[in-house]
Amino acid sequence: MSVSLYYCAHRTTPLTEGESASVSGVVAAHTASFPYDDEESLYLYGRRTAGPQEILAGSTKMPLDPDRLMPVIAHVLDCITELRQAVPEAEWRVHMDDLDVPWDEAEGYALPGMRDADLIAELAAVHGGELAAG
């Protein structure tokens, strides 16, 4: 069963040319620095018919490999944080299936433990144990 991270921004005014250029720059920079060629990174949908107020939307399928899960979450949430900063006055919703990802003015979008090396190592050990047992 896969889990995905979903993100969207709504605003009554469309993106300006400058904002569109900023969004493209953020996406290009994060795509170039994404750590895994074989995993899904930030993916913005093309213009949809979801309504005139939706200015950005996308999703990212999370990896099944626990060794990669936290780095991918951190990378994508960092990108969404930059997108939010590039598109002011928009209302954002970021969620992983039914779990809303909170916005923090100092940190941006983050989940508890997503940068915790001990937690990442523990997930890797559990995953490695499951492979050895299986």
Protein backbone atom coordinates (compact mmCIF):
# COMPACT_ATOMS: atom_id res chain seq x y z
CA MET A 1 0.00 0.00 0.00
CA SER A 2 1.46 3.33 -0.99
CA VAL A 3 1.24 6.64 0.79
CA SER A 4 1.43 9.99 -0.97
CA LEU A 5 2.09 13.55 0.05
CA TYR A 6 -0.39 16.01 -1.48
CA TYR A 7 -0.02 19.78 -1.73
CA CYS A 8 -2.11 22.59 -3.16
CA ALA A 9 -2.32 26.37 -3.03
CA HIS A 10 -5.43 28.48 -3.56
CA ARG A 11 -5.71 32.19 -4.13
CA THR A 12 -8.18 34.46 -5.89
CA THR A 13 -5.50 35.84 -8.22
CA PRO A 14 -3.49 33.71 -10.66
CA LEU A 15 0.28 33.38 -10.53
CA THR A 16 2.13 36.37 -11.90
CA GLU A 17 4.90 35.89 -14.46
CA GLY A 18 7.46 36.52 -11.72
CA GLU A 19 5.84 33.97 -9.41
CA SER A 20 5.68 31.40 -12.21
CA ALA A 21 9.38 31.94 -12.85
CA SER A 22 10.12 31.57 -9.13
CA VAL A 23 8.09 28.35 -8.95
CA SER A 24 9.96 26.96 -11.97
CA GLY A 25 13.29 27.87 -10.36
CA VAL A 26 12.40 26.20 -7.06
CA VAL A 27 11.20 23.05 -8.81
CA ALA A 28 14.30 22.88 -11.04
CA ALA A 29 16.68 23.34 -8.09
CA HIS A 30 14.97 20.67 -5.99
CA THR A 31 14.69 18.26 -8.89
CA ALA A 32 18.41 18.60 -9.57
CA SER A 33 19.29 17.97 -5.91
CA PHE A 34 16.83 15.10 -5.29
CA PRO A 35 18.85 12.24 -3.81
CA TYR A 36 17.26 9.26 -5.61
CA ASP A 37 16.90 8.82 -9.37
CA ASP A 38 14.48 5.93 -8.95
CA GLU A 39 12.04 7.58 -6.50
CA GLU A 40 9.30 10.10 -7.12
CA SER A 41 10.13 13.71 -6.26
CA LEU A 42 7.99 16.81 -6.24
CA TYR A 43 5.37 16.58 -8.97
CA LEU A 44 3.19 19.55 -9.87
CA TYR A 45 0.07 18.81 -11.87
CA GLY A 46 -0.60 20.73 -15.05
CA ARG A 47 -3.39 23.29 -14.94
CA ARG A 48 -6.49 21.38 -13.88
CA THR A 49 -10.17 22.18 -13.85
CA ALA A 50 -10.28 22.08 -10.05
CA GLY A 51 -11.34 25.69 -10.04
CA PRO A 52 -9.94 29.08 -10.89
CA GLN A 53 -8.60 29.60 -7.37
CA GLU A 54 -6.25 26.59 -7.40
CA ILE A 55 -2.91 28.02 -8.49
CA LEU A 56 -0.62 25.06 -7.68
CA ALA A 57 -1.24 21.42 -6.86
CA GLY A 58 0.71 18.20 -6.89
CA SER A 59 1.63 15.01 -5.15
CA THR A 60 4.56 12.74 -4.40
CA LYS A 61 4.34 8.99 -3.83
CA MET A 62 6.42 8.08 -0.79
CA PRO A 63 9.02 5.33 -1.10
CA LEU A 64 8.34 1.97 0.52
CA ASP A 65 11.99 1.66 1.60
CA PRO A 66 12.26 3.09 5.16
CA ASP A 67 15.88 4.09 4.48
CA ARG A 68 14.60 6.51 1.88
CA LEU A 69 11.31 7.62 3.41
CA MET A 70 12.54 10.36 5.75
CA PRO A 71 15.06 11.87 3.30
CA VAL A 72 12.36 12.03 0.61
CA ILE A 73 9.82 13.56 3.00
CA ALA A 74 12.36 16.17 4.15
CA HIS A 75 13.39 17.02 0.58
CA VAL A 76 9.85 17.42 -0.72
CA LEU A 77 8.63 19.38 2.31
CA ASP A 78 11.63 21.72 1.98
CA CYS A 79 10.63 22.31 -1.63
CA ILE A 80 7.00 22.97 -0.71
CA THR A 81 8.20 25.40 1.96
CA GLU A 82 10.13 27.33 -0.70
CA LEU A 83 7.12 27.25 -3.02
CA ARG A 84 4.92 28.71 -0.29
CA GLN A 85 7.45 31.50 0.23
CA ALA A 86 7.56 32.15 -3.54
CA VAL A 87 3.76 32.45 -3.78
CA PRO A 88 2.59 34.88 -1.09
CA GLU A 89 -0.98 35.32 0.02
CA ALA A 90 -2.03 31.81 -1.01
CA GLU A 91 -3.84 29.37 1.22
CA TRP A 92 -1.89 26.10 1.33
CA ARG A 93 -2.89 22.59 2.28
CA VAL A 94 -0.21 19.94 2.64
CA HIS A 95 -1.17 16.46 3.80
CA MET A 96 -0.06 12.87 3.72
CA ASP A 97 -3.26 11.01 3.04
CA ASP A 98 -5.35 11.97 6.13
CA LEU A 99 -2.52 13.59 8.12
CA ASP A 100 -2.18 17.37 7.71
CA VAL A 101 1.42 18.60 7.68
CA PRO A 102 1.59 21.70 9.87
CA TRP A 103 3.14 25.01 8.83
CA ASP A 104 5.66 26.55 11.22
CA GLU A 105 6.78 30.14 10.57
CA ALA A 106 10.37 29.34 11.63
CA GLU A 107 10.78 25.85 10.13
CA GLY A 108 8.25 25.70 7.30
CA TYR A 109 6.58 22.36 6.58
CA ALA A 110 7.96 19.53 8.69
CA LEU A 111 6.97 16.30 10.35
CA PRO A 112 8.33 15.30 13.75
CA GLY A 113 11.51 13.25 13.40
CA MET A 114 11.97 13.74 9.68
CA ARG A 115 15.58 14.84 10.23
CA ASP A 116 16.27 12.64 13.27
CA ALA A 117 19.28 10.45 12.43
CA ASP A 118 18.47 8.00 15.25
CA LEU A 119 14.91 7.52 13.99
CA ILE A 120 16.11 7.04 10.43
CA ALA A 121 18.64 4.44 11.63
CA GLU A 122 15.95 2.68 13.68
CA LEU A 123 13.65 2.49 10.64
CA ALA A 124 16.51 1.09 8.59
CA ALA A 125 17.27 -1.53 11.28
CA VAL A 126 13.62 -2.60 11.47
CA HIS A 127 13.42 -2.78 7.68
CA GLY A 128 16.68 -4.75 7.53
CA GLY A 129 15.38 -7.17 10.18
CA GLU A 130 12.20 -7.74 8.19
CA LEU A 131 14.25 -8.55 5.10
CA ALA A 132 16.45 -11.00 7.06
CA ALA A 133 13.39 -12.68 8.58
CA GLY A 134 11.49 -12.79 5.28
